[in-house]
Amino acid sequence: MLKLYSNFDDRVRPLVYAVKYWTKRRHISDPPSGSLSSYSHVIMVIHYLQHIHILPSLQDLIHHENVDHTKHVPKPHYYNAYDCRFVGDLELARSIFYADHAKNETLTV
């Protein structure tokens, strides 16, 4: 899923690398010493980009009316009673997301 997010928009990967570099330089990416892991910082970047409508929630797209459940939706996979499915087709995710949201060009990396 992280690969899909990084391929969804060309701005994602450079921003993630910049945040990872920044956290390592500030020594705030070291779980044994009590800080968050690099993975946690990546998840926060993705959440932020979803919040400002640069990335979709691939999990939420499963429930979109334009998703053909016979082709694009895997069988339900539950973890602790949560449905963990997501749209894995990058082009489908882009077409649904961009149809619902105008492409946001405000983030410059």
C-alpha atoms as a PDB file:
ATOM      1  CA  MET A   1       0.000   0.000   0.000  1.00  0.00           C
ATOM      2  CA  LEU A   2       2.891   2.389   0.713  1.00  0.00           C
ATOM      3  CA  LYS A   3       4.153   1.823  -2.826  1.00  0.00           C
ATOM      4  CA  LEU A   4       0.727   2.737  -4.241  1.00  0.00           C
ATOM      5  CA  TYR A   5       0.700   5.944  -2.214  1.00  0.00           C
ATOM      6  CA  SER A   6       4.227   6.842  -3.324  1.00  0.00           C
ATOM      7  CA  ASN A   7       3.313   6.247  -6.978  1.00  0.00           C
ATOM      8  CA  PHE A   8      -0.029   8.069  -6.735  1.00  0.00           C
ATOM      9  CA  ASP A   9       1.483  11.558  -6.873  1.00  0.00           C
ATOM     10  CA  ASP A  10       5.034  12.588  -7.793  1.00  0.00           C
ATOM     11  CA  ARG A  11       5.276  14.826  -4.717  1.00  0.00           C
ATOM     12  CA  VAL A  12       4.810  12.047  -2.160  1.00  0.00           C
ATOM     13  CA  ARG A  13       8.172  10.271  -2.315  1.00  0.00           C
ATOM     14  CA  PRO A  14      10.356  13.432  -2.109  1.00  0.00           C
ATOM     15  CA  LEU A  15       8.303  14.718   0.816  1.00  0.00           C
ATOM     16  CA  VAL A  16       8.590  11.404   2.655  1.00  0.00           C
ATOM     17  CA  TYR A  17      12.356  11.351   2.082  1.00  0.00           C
ATOM     18  CA  ALA A  18      12.666  14.924   3.322  1.00  0.00           C
ATOM     19  CA  VAL A  19      10.707  14.153   6.508  1.00  0.00           C
ATOM     20  CA  LYS A  20      12.717  10.975   7.120  1.00  0.00           C
ATOM     21  CA  TYR A  21      15.981  12.869   6.625  1.00  0.00           C
ATOM     22  CA  TRP A  22      14.809  15.694   8.909  1.00  0.00           C
ATOM     23  CA  THR A  23      13.748  13.292  11.683  1.00  0.00           C
ATOM     24  CA  LYS A  24      17.052  11.421  11.554  1.00  0.00           C
ATOM     25  CA  ARG A  25      19.073  14.643  11.679  1.00  0.00           C
ATOM     26  CA  ARG A  26      17.036  15.785  14.712  1.00  0.00           C
ATOM     27  CA  HIS A  27      17.405  12.352  16.384  1.00  0.00           C
ATOM     28  CA  ILE A  28      13.630  11.961  16.660  1.00  0.00           C
ATOM     29  CA  SER A  29      13.390   8.726  14.692  1.00  0.00           C
ATOM     30  CA  ASP A  30      14.788   6.235  17.176  1.00  0.00           C
ATOM     31  CA  PRO A  31      12.157   4.035  18.877  1.00  0.00           C
ATOM     32  CA  PRO A  32      14.545   2.465  21.425  1.00  0.00           C
ATOM     33  CA  SER A  33      15.188   5.942  22.833  1.00  0.00           C
ATOM     34  CA  GLY A  34      11.469   6.707  23.044  1.00  0.00           C
ATOM     35  CA  SER A  35      10.758   8.530  19.772  1.00  0.00           C
ATOM     36  CA  LEU A  36       8.607   7.437  16.838  1.00  0.00           C
ATOM     37  CA  SER A  37       9.828   5.060  14.155  1.00  0.00           C
ATOM     38  CA  SER A  38      10.544   6.068  10.583  1.00  0.00           C
ATOM     39  CA  TYR A  39       7.431   4.141   9.534  1.00  0.00           C
ATOM     40  CA  SER A  40       5.314   6.207  11.935  1.00  0.00           C
ATOM     41  CA  HIS A  41       6.574   9.412  10.348  1.00  0.00           C
ATOM     42  CA  VAL A  42       5.725   8.054   6.875  1.00  0.00           C
ATOM     43  CA  ILE A  43       2.190   7.227   8.017  1.00  0.00           C
ATOM     44  CA  MET A  44       1.807  10.757   9.417  1.00  0.00           C
ATOM     45  CA  VAL A  45       2.930  12.256   6.078  1.00  0.00           C
ATOM     46  CA  ILE A  46       0.376  10.115   4.233  1.00  0.00           C
ATOM     47  CA  HIS A  47      -2.344  11.142   6.678  1.00  0.00           C
ATOM     48  CA  TYR A  48      -1.466  14.813   6.197  1.00  0.00           C
ATOM     49  CA  LEU A  49      -1.557  14.465   2.405  1.00  0.00           C
ATOM     50  CA  GLN A  50      -4.953  12.790   2.667  1.00  0.00           C
ATOM     51  CA  HIS A  51      -6.193  15.588   4.897  1.00  0.00           C
ATOM     52  CA  ILE A  52      -5.233  18.255   2.326  1.00  0.00           C
ATOM     53  CA  HIS A  53      -6.693  16.163  -0.535  1.00  0.00           C
ATOM     54  CA  ILE A  54      -3.480  15.258  -2.320  1.00  0.00           C
ATOM     55  CA  LEU A  55      -3.891  11.544  -1.583  1.00  0.00           C
ATOM     56  CA  PRO A  56      -7.049   9.474  -1.221  1.00  0.00           C
ATOM     57  CA  SER A  57      -7.720   6.880   1.418  1.00  0.00           C
ATOM     58  CA  LEU A  58      -7.259   3.708  -0.605  1.00  0.00           C
ATOM     59  CA  GLN A  59      -9.346   1.887   2.001  1.00  0.00           C
ATOM     60  CA  ASP A  60     -12.277   4.300   1.609  1.00  0.00           C
ATOM     61  CA  LEU A  61     -12.223   3.977  -2.176  1.00  0.00           C
ATOM     62  CA  ILE A  62     -13.365   0.351  -1.774  1.00  0.00           C
ATOM     63  CA  HIS A  63     -16.820   1.704  -0.948  1.00  0.00           C
ATOM     64  CA  HIS A  64     -17.003   4.160  -3.883  1.00  0.00           C
ATOM     65  CA  GLU A  65     -19.927   3.620  -6.252  1.00  0.00           C
ATOM     66  CA  ASN A  66     -17.637   3.434  -9.312  1.00  0.00           C
ATOM     67  CA  VAL A  67     -15.596   0.499  -8.005  1.00  0.00           C
ATOM     68  CA  ASP A  68     -16.527  -2.777  -9.665  1.00  0.00           C
ATOM     69  CA  HIS A  69     -16.450  -5.196  -6.754  1.00  0.00           C
ATOM     70  CA  THR A  70     -16.168  -8.193  -9.069  1.00  0.00           C
ATOM     71  CA  LYS A  71     -12.891  -6.896 -10.568  1.00  0.00           C
ATOM     72  CA  HIS A  72     -11.148  -4.529  -8.170  1.00  0.00           C
ATOM     73  CA  VAL A  73     -12.036  -5.578  -4.642  1.00  0.00           C
ATOM     74  CA  PRO A  74     -10.338  -8.525  -2.957  1.00  0.00           C
ATOM     75  CA  LYS A  75     -12.153 -10.810  -0.561  1.00  0.00           C
ATOM     76  CA  PRO A  76     -12.678  -9.230   2.850  1.00  0.00           C
ATOM     77  CA  HIS A  77      -9.615  -9.415   5.066  1.00  0.00           C
ATOM     78  CA  TYR A  78     -10.302  -8.605   8.684  1.00  0.00           C
ATOM     79  CA  TYR A  79      -7.779  -7.766  11.373  1.00  0.00           C
ATOM     80  CA  ASN A  80      -9.196  -7.248  14.864  1.00  0.00           C
ATOM     81  CA  ALA A  81     -12.648  -6.844  13.266  1.00  0.00           C
ATOM     82  CA  TYR A  82     -11.414  -4.093  10.864  1.00  0.00           C
ATOM     83  CA  ASP A  83     -11.780  -4.505   7.128  1.00  0.00           C
ATOM     84  CA  CYS A  84      -8.249  -4.075   5.727  1.00  0.00           C
ATOM     85  CA  ARG A  85      -9.087  -4.119   2.018  1.00  0.00           C
ATOM     86  CA  PHE A  86      -7.967  -1.295  -0.277  1.00  0.00           C
ATOM     87  CA  VAL A  87      -8.103  -0.445  -3.958  1.00  0.00           C
ATOM     88  CA  GLY A  88      -4.879  -1.798  -5.409  1.00  0.00           C
ATOM     89  CA  ASP A  89      -5.338  -0.529  -8.969  1.00  0.00           C
ATOM     90  CA  LEU A  90      -3.446   2.758  -9.202  1.00  0.00           C
ATOM     91  CA  GLU A  91      -5.219   4.022 -12.324  1.00  0.00           C
ATOM     92  CA  LEU A  92      -8.650   3.246 -10.895  1.00  0.00           C
ATOM     93  CA  ALA A  93      -7.768   5.013  -7.646  1.00  0.00           C
ATOM     94  CA  ARG A  94      -6.532   8.071  -9.549  1.00  0.00           C
ATOM     95  CA  SER A  95      -9.587   8.264 -11.800  1.00  0.00           C
ATOM     96  CA  ILE A  96     -12.013   8.063  -8.879  1.00  0.00           C
ATOM     97  CA  PHE A  97     -10.060  10.477  -6.703  1.00  0.00           C
ATOM     98  CA  TYR A  98      -9.497  13.102  -9.406  1.00  0.00           C
ATOM     99  CA  ALA A  99     -13.115  12.882 -10.513  1.00  0.00           C
ATOM    100  CA  ASP A 100     -14.168  13.681  -6.938  1.00  0.00           C
ATOM    101  CA  HIS A 101     -11.438  16.248  -6.136  1.00  0.00           C
ATOM    102  CA  ALA A 102      -9.705  18.751  -8.350  1.00  0.00           C
ATOM    103  CA  LYS A 103      -5.974  17.994  -8.529  1.00  0.00           C
ATOM    104  CA  ASN A 104      -4.243  19.958  -5.803  1.00  0.00           C
ATOM    105  CA  GLU A 105      -1.106  21.709  -7.040  1.00  0.00           C
ATOM    106  CA  THR A 106      -0.433  23.753  -3.898  1.00  0.00           C
ATOM    107  CA  LEU A 107       2.196  21.468  -2.342  1.00  0.00           C
ATOM    108  CA  THR A 108       5.676  22.116  -3.655  1.00  0.00           C
ATOM    109  CA  VAL A 109       8.495  19.863  -2.572  1.00  0.00           C
END
